[in-house]
């Protein structure tokens, strides 16, 4: 749980963007922050951050990228962008996190890039 939850009785929007980042990490890795692999100092954020960008294929859901897939390069580029966004949403300091408006804008750009790469 992040420190700023409930401070001063107010939940800032930086909590929303943090939760959104964690949700993206969970979705594209098929793991949860509460899974048994995350013990001690290892968290879902550090696990992804440590594998970013060169070994991201080891942490993303294997159902998303399979050997022989002709769209593997485009998918990996998209997954790299998604995980970069997720990491920017979950920065430790709330004032360093991306805003939800910027996160939405980034997602829209990713979608356009993915769609244009398929044509």
PDB file of N, CA and C in Angstrom:
ATOM      1  N   UNK A   1       0.849  -1.176   0.000  1.00  0.00           N
ATOM      2  CA  UNK A   1       0.000   0.000   0.000  1.00  0.00           C
ATOM      3  C   UNK A   1       0.893   1.238   0.000  1.00  0.00           C
ATOM      4  N   UNK A   2       0.487   2.242  -0.708  1.00  0.00           N
ATOM      5  CA  UNK A   2       1.296   3.447  -0.811  1.00  0.00           C
ATOM      6  C   UNK A   2       1.024   4.375   0.357  1.00  0.00           C
ATOM      7  N   UNK A   3       2.044   5.137   0.712  1.00  0.00           N
ATOM      8  CA  UNK A   3       2.020   5.947   1.920  1.00  0.00           C
ATOM      9  C   UNK A   3       0.961   7.046   1.897  1.00  0.00           C
ATOM     10  N   UNK A   4       0.694   7.619   0.747  1.00  0.00           N
ATOM     11  CA  UNK A   4      -0.199   8.775   0.733  1.00  0.00           C
ATOM     12  C   UNK A   4      -1.677   8.425   0.844  1.00  0.00           C
ATOM     13  N   UNK A   5      -2.029   7.136   0.835  1.00  0.00           N
ATOM     14  CA  UNK A   5      -3.427   6.759   1.043  1.00  0.00           C
ATOM     15  C   UNK A   5      -3.876   7.243   2.419  1.00  0.00           C
ATOM     16  N   UNK A   6      -4.888   8.044   2.437  1.00  0.00           N
ATOM     17  CA  UNK A   6      -5.481   8.453   3.687  1.00  0.00           C
ATOM     18  C   UNK A   6      -4.745   9.513   4.481  1.00  0.00           C
ATOM     19  N   UNK A   7      -3.637  10.017   3.997  1.00  0.00           N
ATOM     20  CA  UNK A   7      -2.964  11.088   4.714  1.00  0.00           C
ATOM     21  C   UNK A   7      -3.883  12.291   4.764  1.00  0.00           C
ATOM     22  N   UNK A   8      -4.011  12.872   5.919  1.00  0.00           N
ATOM     23  CA  UNK A   8      -4.835  14.066   6.112  1.00  0.00           C
ATOM     24  C   UNK A   8      -6.300  13.852   5.736  1.00  0.00           C
ATOM     25  N   UNK A   9      -6.741  12.605   5.628  1.00  0.00           N
ATOM     26  CA  UNK A   9      -8.131  12.324   5.311  1.00  0.00           C
ATOM     27  C   UNK A   9      -8.509  12.586   3.864  1.00  0.00           C
ATOM     28  N   UNK A  10      -7.525  12.856   3.008  1.00  0.00           N
ATOM     29  CA  UNK A  10      -7.781  13.164   1.599  1.00  0.00           C
ATOM     30  C   UNK A  10      -7.001  12.168   0.742  1.00  0.00           C
ATOM     31  N   UNK A  11      -7.646  11.625  -0.255  1.00  0.00           N
ATOM     32  CA  UNK A  11      -6.971  10.709  -1.172  1.00  0.00           C
ATOM     33  C   UNK A  11      -6.706  11.465  -2.470  1.00  0.00           C
ATOM     34  N   UNK A  12      -5.440  11.782  -2.763  1.00  0.00           N
ATOM     35  CA  UNK A  12      -5.118  12.556  -3.967  1.00  0.00           C
ATOM     36  C   UNK A  12      -5.221  11.722  -5.239  1.00  0.00           C
ATOM     37  N   UNK A  13      -5.299  12.410  -6.369  1.00  0.00           N
ATOM     38  CA  UNK A  13      -5.390  11.702  -7.653  1.00  0.00           C
ATOM     39  C   UNK A  13      -4.118  10.915  -7.957  1.00  0.00           C
ATOM     40  N   UNK A  14      -3.007  11.227  -7.293  1.00  0.00           N
ATOM     41  CA  UNK A  14      -1.782  10.451  -7.507  1.00  0.00           C
ATOM     42  C   UNK A  14      -1.980   9.006  -7.060  1.00  0.00           C
ATOM     43  N   UNK A  15      -2.929   8.772  -6.140  1.00  0.00           N
ATOM     44  CA  UNK A  15      -3.262   7.405  -5.735  1.00  0.00           C
ATOM     45  C   UNK A  15      -3.965   6.674  -6.877  1.00  0.00           C
ATOM     46  N   UNK A  16      -4.822   7.388  -7.592  1.00  0.00           N
ATOM     47  CA  UNK A  16      -5.523   6.797  -8.729  1.00  0.00           C
ATOM     48  C   UNK A  16      -4.540   6.343  -9.795  1.00  0.00           C
ATOM     49  N   UNK A  17      -3.570   7.198 -10.108  1.00  0.00           N
ATOM     50  CA  UNK A  17      -2.627   6.864 -11.159  1.00  0.00           C
ATOM     51  C   UNK A  17      -1.712   5.722 -10.706  1.00  0.00           C
ATOM     52  N   UNK A  18      -1.375   5.687  -9.429  1.00  0.00           N
ATOM     53  CA  UNK A  18      -0.581   4.583  -8.888  1.00  0.00           C
ATOM     54  C   UNK A  18      -1.344   3.269  -9.051  1.00  0.00           C
ATOM     55  N   UNK A  19      -2.598   3.263  -8.645  1.00  0.00           N
ATOM     56  CA  UNK A  19      -3.430   2.061  -8.762  1.00  0.00           C
ATOM     57  C   UNK A  19      -3.586   1.634 -10.217  1.00  0.00           C
ATOM     58  N   UNK A  20      -3.724   2.598 -11.104  1.00  0.00           N
ATOM     59  CA  UNK A  20      -3.827   2.306 -12.536  1.00  0.00           C
ATOM     60  C   UNK A  20      -2.546   1.633 -13.031  1.00  0.00           C
ATOM     61  N   UNK A  21      -1.393   2.118 -12.586  1.00  0.00           N
ATOM     62  CA  UNK A  21      -0.122   1.510 -12.968  1.00  0.00           C
ATOM     63  C   UNK A  21      -0.010   0.069 -12.489  1.00  0.00           C
ATOM     64  N   UNK A  22      -0.421  -0.161 -11.247  1.00  0.00           N
ATOM     65  CA  UNK A  22      -0.390  -1.526 -10.700  1.00  0.00           C
ATOM     66  C   UNK A  22      -1.342  -2.421 -11.481  1.00  0.00           C
ATOM     67  N   UNK A  23      -2.511  -1.907 -11.823  1.00  0.00           N
ATOM     68  CA  UNK A  23      -3.487  -2.672 -12.603  1.00  0.00           C
ATOM     69  C   UNK A  23      -2.904  -3.075 -13.961  1.00  0.00           C
ATOM     70  N   UNK A  24      -2.206  -2.148 -14.616  1.00  0.00           N
ATOM     71  CA  UNK A  24      -1.579  -2.484 -15.903  1.00  0.00           C
ATOM     72  C   UNK A  24      -0.525  -3.570 -15.713  1.00  0.00           C
ATOM     73  N   UNK A  25       0.266  -3.461 -14.659  1.00  0.00           N
ATOM     74  CA  UNK A  25       1.288  -4.474 -14.392  1.00  0.00           C
ATOM     75  C   UNK A  25       0.648  -5.841 -14.175  1.00  0.00           C
ATOM     76  N   UNK A  26      -0.408  -5.878 -13.365  1.00  0.00           N
ATOM     77  CA  UNK A  26      -1.115  -7.129 -13.112  1.00  0.00           C
ATOM     78  C   UNK A  26      -1.689  -7.718 -14.393  1.00  0.00           C
ATOM     79  N   UNK A  27      -2.297  -6.884 -15.194  1.00  0.00           N
ATOM     80  CA  UNK A  27      -2.964  -7.332 -16.417  1.00  0.00           C
ATOM     81  C   UNK A  27      -1.988  -7.959 -17.406  1.00  0.00           C
ATOM     82  N   UNK A  28      -0.854  -7.309 -17.616  1.00  0.00           N
ATOM     83  CA  UNK A  28       0.056  -7.765 -18.666  1.00  0.00           C
ATOM     84  C   UNK A  28       1.116  -8.753 -18.195  1.00  0.00           C
ATOM     85  N   UNK A  29       1.156  -9.031 -16.877  1.00  0.00           N
ATOM     86  CA  UNK A  29       2.074 -10.058 -16.376  1.00  0.00           C
ATOM     87  C   UNK A  29       1.334 -11.266 -15.820  1.00  0.00           C
ATOM     88  N   UNK A  30       0.036 -11.111 -15.605  1.00  0.00           N
ATOM     89  CA  UNK A  30      -0.791 -12.147 -14.957  1.00  0.00           C
ATOM     90  C   UNK A  30      -0.257 -12.497 -13.577  1.00  0.00           C
ATOM     91  N   UNK A  31       0.228 -11.486 -12.883  1.00  0.00           N
ATOM     92  CA  UNK A  31       0.655 -11.669 -11.492  1.00  0.00           C
ATOM     93  C   UNK A  31       0.023 -10.572 -10.652  1.00  0.00           C
ATOM     94  N   UNK A  32      -0.014 -10.811  -9.359  1.00  0.00           N
ATOM     95  CA  UNK A  32      -0.557  -9.834  -8.423  1.00  0.00           C
ATOM     96  C   UNK A  32       0.538  -9.415  -7.456  1.00  0.00           C
ATOM     97  N   UNK A  33       0.454  -8.220  -6.931  1.00  0.00           N
ATOM     98  CA  UNK A  33       1.446  -7.785  -5.945  1.00  0.00           C
ATOM     99  C   UNK A  33       1.498  -8.685  -4.715  1.00  0.00           C
ATOM    100  N   UNK A  34       0.426  -9.425  -4.460  1.00  0.00           N
ATOM    101  CA  UNK A  34       0.364 -10.315  -3.298  1.00  0.00           C
ATOM    102  C   UNK A  34       0.821 -11.744  -3.595  1.00  0.00           C
ATOM    103  N   UNK A  35       1.251 -12.028  -4.823  1.00  0.00           N
ATOM    104  CA  UNK A  35       1.705 -13.374  -5.169  1.00  0.00           C
ATOM    105  C   UNK A  35       2.946 -13.750  -4.363  1.00  0.00           C
ATOM    106  N   UNK A  36       3.129 -15.041  -4.152  1.00  0.00           N
ATOM    107  CA  UNK A  36       4.215 -15.561  -3.317  1.00  0.00           C
ATOM    108  C   UNK A  36       5.612 -15.192  -3.811  1.00  0.00           C
ATOM    109  N   UNK A  37       5.773 -14.907  -5.088  1.00  0.00           N
ATOM    110  CA  UNK A  37       7.110 -14.575  -5.589  1.00  0.00           C
ATOM    111  C   UNK A  37       7.608 -13.236  -5.065  1.00  0.00           C
ATOM    112  N   UNK A  38       6.697 -12.397  -4.602  1.00  0.00           N
ATOM    113  CA  UNK A  38       7.076 -11.069  -4.115  1.00  0.00           C
ATOM    114  C   UNK A  38       7.267 -11.104  -2.603  1.00  0.00           C
ATOM    115  N   UNK A  39       8.518 -11.338  -2.218  1.00  0.00           N
ATOM    116  CA  UNK A  39       8.871 -11.380  -0.800  1.00  0.00           C
ATOM    117  C   UNK A  39      10.039 -10.437  -0.561  1.00  0.00           C
ATOM    118  N   UNK A  40      10.199 -10.028   0.663  1.00  0.00           N
ATOM    119  CA  UNK A  40      11.301  -9.136   1.003  1.00  0.00           C
ATOM    120  C   UNK A  40      11.187  -7.824   0.252  1.00  0.00           C
ATOM    121  N   UNK A  41      12.269  -7.448  -0.423  1.00  0.00           N
ATOM    122  CA  UNK A  41      12.298  -6.191  -1.172  1.00  0.00           C
ATOM    123  C   UNK A  41      11.741  -6.322  -2.585  1.00  0.00           C
ATOM    124  N   UNK A  42      11.430  -7.539  -3.020  1.00  0.00           N
ATOM    125  CA  UNK A  42      10.925  -7.732  -4.376  1.00  0.00           C
ATOM    126  C   UNK A  42       9.439  -7.414  -4.431  1.00  0.00           C
ATOM    127  N   UNK A  43       9.085  -6.436  -5.250  1.00  0.00           N
ATOM    128  CA  UNK A  43       7.690  -6.062  -5.470  1.00  0.00           C
ATOM    129  C   UNK A  43       7.398  -6.211  -6.954  1.00  0.00           C
ATOM    130  N   UNK A  44       6.142  -6.101  -7.325  1.00  0.00           N
ATOM    131  CA  UNK A  44       5.800  -6.186  -8.743  1.00  0.00           C
ATOM    132  C   UNK A  44       6.478  -5.059  -9.523  1.00  0.00           C
ATOM    133  N   UNK A  45       6.582  -3.869  -8.914  1.00  0.00           N
ATOM    134  CA  UNK A  45       7.241  -2.745  -9.578  1.00  0.00           C
ATOM    135  C   UNK A  45       8.727  -3.021  -9.785  1.00  0.00           C
ATOM    136  N   UNK A  46       9.408  -3.494  -8.749  1.00  0.00           N
ATOM    137  CA  UNK A  46      10.846  -3.740  -8.885  1.00  0.00           C
ATOM    138  C   UNK A  46      11.112  -4.899  -9.832  1.00  0.00           C
ATOM    139  N   UNK A  47      10.249  -5.899  -9.836  1.00  0.00           N
ATOM    140  CA  UNK A  47      10.380  -7.043 -10.738  1.00  0.00           C
ATOM    141  C   UNK A  47      10.322  -6.592 -12.192  1.00  0.00           C
ATOM    142  N   UNK A  48       9.363  -5.727 -12.492  1.00  0.00           N
ATOM    143  CA  UNK A  48       9.229  -5.217 -13.858  1.00  0.00           C
ATOM    144  C   UNK A  48      10.358  -4.245 -14.174  1.00  0.00           C
ATOM    145  N   UNK A  49      10.650  -3.365 -13.240  1.00  0.00           N
ATOM    146  CA  UNK A  49      11.712  -2.380 -13.453  1.00  0.00           C
ATOM    147  C   UNK A  49      13.060  -3.053 -13.705  1.00  0.00           C
ATOM    148  N   UNK A  50      13.352  -4.113 -12.944  1.00  0.00           N
ATOM    149  CA  UNK A  50      14.624  -4.835 -13.109  1.00  0.00           C
ATOM    150  C   UNK A  50      14.715  -5.531 -14.461  1.00  0.00           C
ATOM    151  N   UNK A  51      13.578  -5.873 -15.043  1.00  0.00           N
ATOM    152  CA  UNK A  51      13.586  -6.572 -16.325  1.00  0.00           C
ATOM    153  C   UNK A  51      13.439  -5.612 -17.508  1.00  0.00           C
ATOM    154  N   UNK A  52      13.243  -4.342 -17.214  1.00  0.00           N
ATOM    155  CA  UNK A  52      12.954  -3.344 -18.247  1.00  0.00           C
ATOM    156  C   UNK A  52      14.233  -2.725 -18.771  1.00  0.00           C
ATOM    157  N   UNK A  53      14.423  -2.574 -20.072  1.00  0.00           N
ATOM    158  CA  UNK A  53      13.576  -3.070 -21.153  1.00  0.00           C
ATOM    159  C   UNK A  53      14.041  -4.411 -21.718  1.00  0.00           C
ATOM    160  N   UNK A  54      15.306  -4.771 -21.502  1.00  0.00           N
ATOM    161  CA  UNK A  54      15.908  -5.905 -22.199  1.00  0.00           C
ATOM    162  C   UNK A  54      15.338  -7.274 -21.918  1.00  0.00           C
ATOM    163  N   UNK A  55      14.780  -7.494 -20.728  1.00  0.00           N
ATOM    164  CA  UNK A  55      14.275  -8.818 -20.384  1.00  0.00           C
ATOM    165  C   UNK A  55      12.781  -8.803 -20.072  1.00  0.00           C
ATOM    166  N   UNK A  56      12.098  -7.827 -20.616  1.00  0.00           N
ATOM    167  CA  UNK A  56      10.668  -7.701 -20.357  1.00  0.00           C
ATOM    168  C   UNK A  56       9.906  -8.951 -20.798  1.00  0.00           C
ATOM    169  N   UNK A  57      10.392  -9.609 -21.833  1.00  0.00           N
ATOM    170  CA  UNK A  57       9.725 -10.818 -22.324  1.00  0.00           C
ATOM    171  C   UNK A  57       9.650 -11.907 -21.250  1.00  0.00           C
ATOM    172  N   UNK A  58      10.513 -11.829 -20.226  1.00  0.00           N
ATOM    173  CA  UNK A  58      10.511 -12.832 -19.163  1.00  0.00           C
ATOM    174  C   UNK A  58       9.407 -12.604 -18.131  1.00  0.00           C
ATOM    175  N   UNK A  59       8.862 -11.381 -18.081  1.00  0.00           N
ATOM    176  CA  UNK A  59       7.846 -11.087 -17.077  1.00  0.00           C
ATOM    177  C   UNK A  59       6.447 -10.890 -17.642  1.00  0.00           C
ATOM    178  N   UNK A  60       6.326 -10.586 -18.925  1.00  0.00           N
ATOM    179  CA  UNK A  60       4.980 -10.417 -19.483  1.00  0.00           C
ATOM    180  C   UNK A  60       4.315 -11.779 -19.661  1.00  0.00           C
ATOM    181  N   UNK A  61       3.015 -11.763 -19.677  1.00  0.00           N
ATOM    182  CA  UNK A  61       2.221 -12.973 -19.867  1.00  0.00           C
ATOM    183  C   UNK A  61       2.656 -13.669 -21.152  1.00  0.00           C
ATOM    184  N   UNK A  62       3.078 -14.909 -21.044  1.00  0.00           N
ATOM    185  CA  UNK A  62       3.575 -15.647 -22.213  1.00  0.00           C
ATOM    186  C   UNK A  62       2.497 -15.876 -23.266  1.00  0.00           C
ATOM    187  N   UNK A  63       1.244 -15.761 -22.905  1.00  0.00           N
ATOM    188  CA  UNK A  63       0.161 -15.897 -23.883  1.00  0.00           C
ATOM    189  C   UNK A  63       0.093 -14.707 -24.835  1.00  0.00           C
ATOM    190  N   UNK A  64       0.701 -13.591 -24.442  1.00  0.00           N
ATOM    191  CA  UNK A  64       0.649 -12.388 -25.274  1.00  0.00           C
ATOM    192  C   UNK A  64       1.693 -12.394 -26.388  1.00  0.00           C
ATOM    193  N   UNK A  65       2.830 -12.999 -26.116  1.00  0.00           N
ATOM    194  CA  UNK A  65       3.925 -13.009 -27.092  1.00  0.00           C
ATOM    195  C   UNK A  65       4.463 -14.432 -27.183  1.00  0.00           C
ATOM    196  N   UNK A  66       4.243 -15.055 -28.325  1.00  0.00           N
ATOM    197  CA  UNK A  66       4.682 -16.434 -28.490  1.00  0.00           C
ATOM    198  C   UNK A  66       5.650 -16.533 -29.654  1.00  0.00           C
ATOM    199  N   UNK A  67       6.658 -17.392 -29.521  1.00  0.00           N
ATOM    200  CA  UNK A  67       7.616 -17.570 -30.616  1.00  0.00           C
ATOM    201  C   UNK A  67       6.901 -17.907 -31.927  1.00  0.00           C
ATOM    202  N   UNK A  68       7.382 -17.331 -32.993  1.00  0.00           N
ATOM    203  CA  UNK A  68       6.796 -17.574 -34.299  1.00  0.00           C
ATOM    204  C   UNK A  68       5.676 -16.617 -34.664  1.00  0.00           C
ATOM    205  N   UNK A  69       5.236 -15.815 -33.717  1.00  0.00           N
ATOM    206  CA  UNK A  69       4.179 -14.837 -33.977  1.00  0.00           C
ATOM    207  C   UNK A  69       4.730 -13.780 -34.930  1.00  0.00           C
ATOM    208  N   UNK A  70       4.050 -13.572 -36.046  1.00  0.00           N
ATOM    209  CA  UNK A  70       4.546 -12.614 -37.038  1.00  0.00           C
ATOM    210  C   UNK A  70       4.413 -11.165 -36.575  1.00  0.00           C
ATOM    211  N   UNK A  71       3.626 -10.929 -35.548  1.00  0.00           N
ATOM    212  CA  UNK A  71       3.454  -9.575 -34.998  1.00  0.00           C
ATOM    213  C   UNK A  71       4.273  -9.369 -33.715  1.00  0.00           C
ATOM    214  N   UNK A  72       5.244 -10.239 -33.459  1.00  0.00           N
ATOM    215  CA  UNK A  72       5.965 -10.201 -32.184  1.00  0.00           C
ATOM    216  C   UNK A  72       6.683  -8.868 -31.949  1.00  0.00           C
ATOM    217  N   UNK A  73       7.277  -8.310 -32.965  1.00  0.00           N
ATOM    218  CA  UNK A  73       8.004  -7.039 -32.806  1.00  0.00           C
ATOM    219  C   UNK A  73       7.051  -5.914 -32.422  1.00  0.00           C
ATOM    220  N   UNK A  74       5.916  -5.835 -33.093  1.00  0.00           N
ATOM    221  CA  UNK A  74       4.938  -4.793 -32.790  1.00  0.00           C
ATOM    222  C   UNK A  74       4.347  -4.994 -31.397  1.00  0.00           C
ATOM    223  N   UNK A  75       4.087  -6.250 -31.030  1.00  0.00           N
ATOM    224  CA  UNK A  75       3.544  -6.540 -29.705  1.00  0.00           C
ATOM    225  C   UNK A  75       4.548  -6.188 -28.613  1.00  0.00           C
ATOM    226  N   UNK A  76       5.810  -6.539 -28.818  1.00  0.00           N
ATOM    227  CA  UNK A  76       6.826  -6.233 -27.812  1.00  0.00           C
ATOM    228  C   UNK A  76       7.008  -4.727 -27.676  1.00  0.00           C
ATOM    229  N   UNK A  77       6.950  -4.017 -28.779  1.00  0.00           N
ATOM    230  CA  UNK A  77       7.055  -2.552 -28.721  1.00  0.00           C
ATOM    231  C   UNK A  77       5.892  -1.985 -27.907  1.00  0.00           C
ATOM    232  N   UNK A  78       4.706  -2.502 -28.140  1.00  0.00           N
ATOM    233  CA  UNK A  78       3.523  -2.067 -27.414  1.00  0.00           C
ATOM    234  C   UNK A  78       3.650  -2.401 -25.925  1.00  0.00           C
ATOM    235  N   UNK A  79       4.096  -3.609 -25.605  1.00  0.00           N
ATOM    236  CA  UNK A  79       4.266  -4.010 -24.211  1.00  0.00           C
ATOM    237  C   UNK A  79       5.333  -3.178 -23.506  1.00  0.00           C
ATOM    238  N   UNK A  80       6.393  -2.837 -24.222  1.00  0.00           N
ATOM    239  CA  UNK A  80       7.413  -1.956 -23.651  1.00  0.00           C
ATOM    240  C   UNK A  80       6.805  -0.595 -23.299  1.00  0.00           C
ATOM    241  N   UNK A  81       6.012  -0.072 -24.196  1.00  0.00           N
ATOM    242  CA  UNK A  81       5.360   1.215 -23.951  1.00  0.00           C
ATOM    243  C   UNK A  81       4.402   1.137 -22.774  1.00  0.00           C
ATOM    244  N   UNK A  82       3.649   0.052 -22.702  1.00  0.00           N
ATOM    245  CA  UNK A  82       2.693  -0.126 -21.604  1.00  0.00           C
ATOM    246  C   UNK A  82       3.411  -0.212 -20.268  1.00  0.00           C
ATOM    247  N   UNK A  83       4.482  -0.995 -20.212  1.00  0.00           N
ATOM    248  CA  UNK A  83       5.204  -1.147 -18.949  1.00  0.00           C
ATOM    249  C   UNK A  83       5.952   0.128 -18.565  1.00  0.00           C
ATOM    250  N   UNK A  84       6.420   0.863 -19.545  1.00  0.00           N
ATOM    251  CA  UNK A  84       7.045   2.155 -19.247  1.00  0.00           C
ATOM    252  C   UNK A  84       6.011   3.087 -18.621  1.00  0.00           C
ATOM    253  N   UNK A  85       4.818   3.106 -19.182  1.00  0.00           N
ATOM    254  CA  UNK A  85       3.739   3.915 -18.628  1.00  0.00           C
ATOM    255  C   UNK A  85       3.398   3.443 -17.217  1.00  0.00           C
ATOM    256  N   UNK A  86       3.283   2.140 -17.020  1.00  0.00           N
ATOM    257  CA  UNK A  86       2.961   1.595 -15.699  1.00  0.00           C
ATOM    258  C   UNK A  86       4.018   1.987 -14.668  1.00  0.00           C
ATOM    259  N   UNK A  87       5.282   1.927 -15.063  1.00  0.00           N
ATOM    260  CA  UNK A  87       6.360   2.324 -14.149  1.00  0.00           C
ATOM    261  C   UNK A  87       6.282   3.820 -13.834  1.00  0.00           C
ATOM    262  N   UNK A  88       5.927   4.635 -14.824  1.00  0.00           N
ATOM    263  CA  UNK A  88       5.777   6.074 -14.593  1.00  0.00           C
ATOM    264  C   UNK A  88       4.583   6.384 -13.687  1.00  0.00           C
ATOM    265  N   UNK A  89       3.603   5.514 -13.690  1.00  0.00           N
ATOM    266  CA  UNK A  89       2.436   5.696 -12.826  1.00  0.00           C
ATOM    267  C   UNK A  89       2.732   5.300 -11.374  1.00  0.00           C
ATOM    268  N   UNK A  90       3.738   4.471 -11.175  1.00  0.00           N
ATOM    269  CA  UNK A  90       3.994   3.919  -9.838  1.00  0.00           C
ATOM    270  C   UNK A  90       5.299   4.419  -9.226  1.00  0.00           C
ATOM    271  N   UNK A  91       5.755   5.565  -9.671  1.00  0.00           N
ATOM    272  CA  UNK A  91       6.954   6.137  -9.061  1.00  0.00           C
ATOM    273  C   UNK A  91       6.699   6.370  -7.576  1.00  0.00           C
ATOM    274  N   UNK A  92       7.748   6.277  -6.775  1.00  0.00           N
ATOM    275  CA  UNK A  92       7.607   6.372  -5.321  1.00  0.00           C
ATOM    276  C   UNK A  92       7.043   7.718  -4.890  1.00  0.00           C
ATOM    277  N   UNK A  93       7.588   8.782  -5.426  1.00  0.00           N
ATOM    278  CA  UNK A  93       7.121  10.115  -5.044  1.00  0.00           C
ATOM    279  C   UNK A  93       5.889  10.500  -5.876  1.00  0.00           C
ATOM    280  N   UNK A  94       4.774  10.805  -5.239  1.00  0.00           N
ATOM    281  CA  UNK A  94       3.546  11.148  -5.959  1.00  0.00           C
ATOM    282  C   UNK A  94       3.712  12.313  -6.934  1.00  0.00           C
ATOM    283  N   UNK A  95       4.523  13.290  -6.575  1.00  0.00           N
ATOM    284  CA  UNK A  95       4.687  14.452  -7.454  1.00  0.00           C
ATOM    285  C   UNK A  95       5.512  14.146  -8.698  1.00  0.00           C
ATOM    286  N   UNK A  96       6.140  12.970  -8.748  1.00  0.00           N
ATOM    287  CA  UNK A  96       6.911  12.568  -9.926  1.00  0.00           C
ATOM    288  C   UNK A  96       6.094  11.697 -10.879  1.00  0.00           C
ATOM    289  N   UNK A  97       4.941  11.223 -10.435  1.00  0.00           N
ATOM    290  CA  UNK A  97       4.103  10.350 -11.268  1.00  0.00           C
ATOM    291  C   UNK A  97       3.461  11.128 -12.404  1.00  0.00           C
ATOM    292  N   UNK A  98       3.223  10.421 -13.484  1.00  0.00           N
ATOM    293  CA  UNK A  98       2.512  10.979 -14.624  1.00  0.00           C
ATOM    294  C   UNK A  98       1.065  11.268 -14.189  1.00  0.00           C
ATOM    295  N   UNK A  99       0.432  12.239 -14.790  1.00  0.00           N
ATOM    296  CA  UNK A  99      -0.973  12.523 -14.472  1.00  0.00           C
ATOM    297  C   UNK A  99      -1.874  11.544 -15.221  1.00  0.00           C
ATOM    298  N   UNK A 100      -3.107  11.405 -14.774  1.00  0.00           N
ATOM    299  CA  UNK A 100      -4.059  10.532 -15.465  1.00  0.00           C
ATOM    300  C   UNK A 100      -4.340  11.042 -16.873  1.00  0.00           C
ATOM    301  N   UNK A 101      -4.379  12.357 -17.062  1.00  0.00           N
ATOM    302  CA  UNK A 101      -4.592  12.904 -18.404  1.00  0.00           C
ATOM    303  C   UNK A 101      -3.441  12.520 -19.329  1.00  0.00           C
ATOM    304  N   UNK A 102      -2.213  12.612 -18.822  1.00  0.00           N
ATOM    305  CA  UNK A 102      -1.060  12.226 -19.635  1.00  0.00           C
ATOM    306  C   UNK A 102      -1.040  10.714 -19.884  1.00  0.00           C
ATOM    307  N   UNK A 103      -1.474   9.946 -18.892  1.00  0.00           N
ATOM    308  CA  UNK A 103      -1.538   8.491 -19.063  1.00  0.00           C
ATOM    309  C   UNK A 103      -2.537   8.133 -20.169  1.00  0.00           C
ATOM    310  N   UNK A 104      -3.691   8.786 -20.160  1.00  0.00           N
ATOM    311  CA  UNK A 104      -4.693   8.544 -21.196  1.00  0.00           C
ATOM    312  C   UNK A 104      -4.167   8.934 -22.567  1.00  0.00           C
ATOM    313  N   UNK A 105      -3.511  10.061 -22.647  1.00  0.00           N
ATOM    314  CA  UNK A 105      -2.937  10.515 -23.913  1.00  0.00           C
ATOM    315  C   UNK A 105      -1.901   9.509 -24.425  1.00  0.00           C
ATOM    316  N   UNK A 106      -1.086   8.999 -23.520  1.00  0.00           N
ATOM    317  CA  UNK A 106      -0.071   8.008 -23.888  1.00  0.00           C
ATOM    318  C   UNK A 106      -0.727   6.730 -24.400  1.00  0.00           C
ATOM    319  N   UNK A 107      -1.782   6.286 -23.738  1.00  0.00           N
ATOM    320  CA  UNK A 107      -2.492   5.079 -24.187  1.00  0.00           C
ATOM    321  C   UNK A 107      -3.103   5.266 -25.575  1.00  0.00           C
ATOM    322  N   UNK A 108      -3.657   6.421 -25.825  1.00  0.00           N
ATOM    323  CA  UNK A 108      -4.229   6.691 -27.145  1.00  0.00           C
ATOM    324  C   UNK A 108      -3.151   6.661 -28.224  1.00  0.00           C
ATOM    325  N   UNK A 109      -1.988   7.218 -27.938  1.00  0.00           N
ATOM    326  CA  UNK A 109      -0.879   7.187 -28.896  1.00  0.00           C
ATOM    327  C   UNK A 109      -0.422   5.760 -29.149  1.00  0.00           C
ATOM    328  N   UNK A 110      -0.355   4.951 -28.095  1.00  0.00           N
ATOM    329  CA  UNK A 110       0.042   3.549 -28.237  1.00  0.00           C
ATOM    330  C   UNK A 110      -0.931   2.799 -29.133  1.00  0.00           C
ATOM    331  N   UNK A 111      -2.223   3.044 -28.903  1.00  0.00           N
ATOM    332  CA  UNK A 111      -3.242   2.374 -29.713  1.00  0.00           C
ATOM    333  C   UNK A 111      -3.085   2.741 -31.189  1.00  0.00           C
ATOM    334  N   UNK A 112      -2.873   4.014 -31.479  1.00  0.00           N
ATOM    335  CA  UNK A 112      -2.681   4.444 -32.865  1.00  0.00           C
ATOM    336  C   UNK A 112      -1.456   3.800 -33.489  1.00  0.00           C
ATOM    337  N   UNK A 113      -0.365   3.711 -32.730  1.00  0.00           N
ATOM    338  CA  UNK A 113       0.844   3.077 -33.245  1.00  0.00           C
ATOM    339  C   UNK A 113       0.621   1.599 -33.523  1.00  0.00           C
ATOM    340  N   UNK A 114      -0.065   0.919 -32.628  1.00  0.00           N
ATOM    341  CA  UNK A 114      -0.320  -0.511 -32.813  1.00  0.00           C
ATOM    342  C   UNK A 114      -1.216  -0.750 -34.019  1.00  0.00           C
ATOM    343  N   UNK A 115      -2.260   0.041 -34.144  1.00  0.00           N
ATOM    344  CA  UNK A 115      -3.181  -0.109 -35.276  1.00  0.00           C
ATOM    345  C   UNK A 115      -2.463   0.185 -36.602  1.00  0.00           C
ATOM    346  N   UNK A 116      -1.652   1.238 -36.623  1.00  0.00           N
ATOM    347  CA  UNK A 116      -0.958   1.580 -37.867  1.00  0.00           C
ATOM    348  C   UNK A 116       0.116   0.553 -38.226  1.00  0.00           C
ATOM    349  N   UNK A 117       0.676  -0.127 -37.235  1.00  0.00           N
ATOM    350  CA  UNK A 117       1.693  -1.144 -37.528  1.00  0.00           C
ATOM    351  C   UNK A 117       1.079  -2.417 -38.096  1.00  0.00           C
ATOM    352  N   UNK A 118      -0.212  -2.604 -37.907  1.00  0.00           N
ATOM    353  CA  UNK A 118      -0.889  -3.797 -38.416  1.00  0.00           C
ATOM    354  C   UNK A 118      -1.339  -3.645 -39.860  1.00  0.00           C
ATOM    355  N   UNK A 119      -1.266  -2.413 -40.376  1.00  0.00           N
ATOM    356  CA  UNK A 119      -1.727  -2.161 -41.767  1.00  0.00           C
ATOM    357  C   UNK A 119      -0.560  -1.927 -42.684  1.00  0.00           C
TER     358      UNK A 119
END
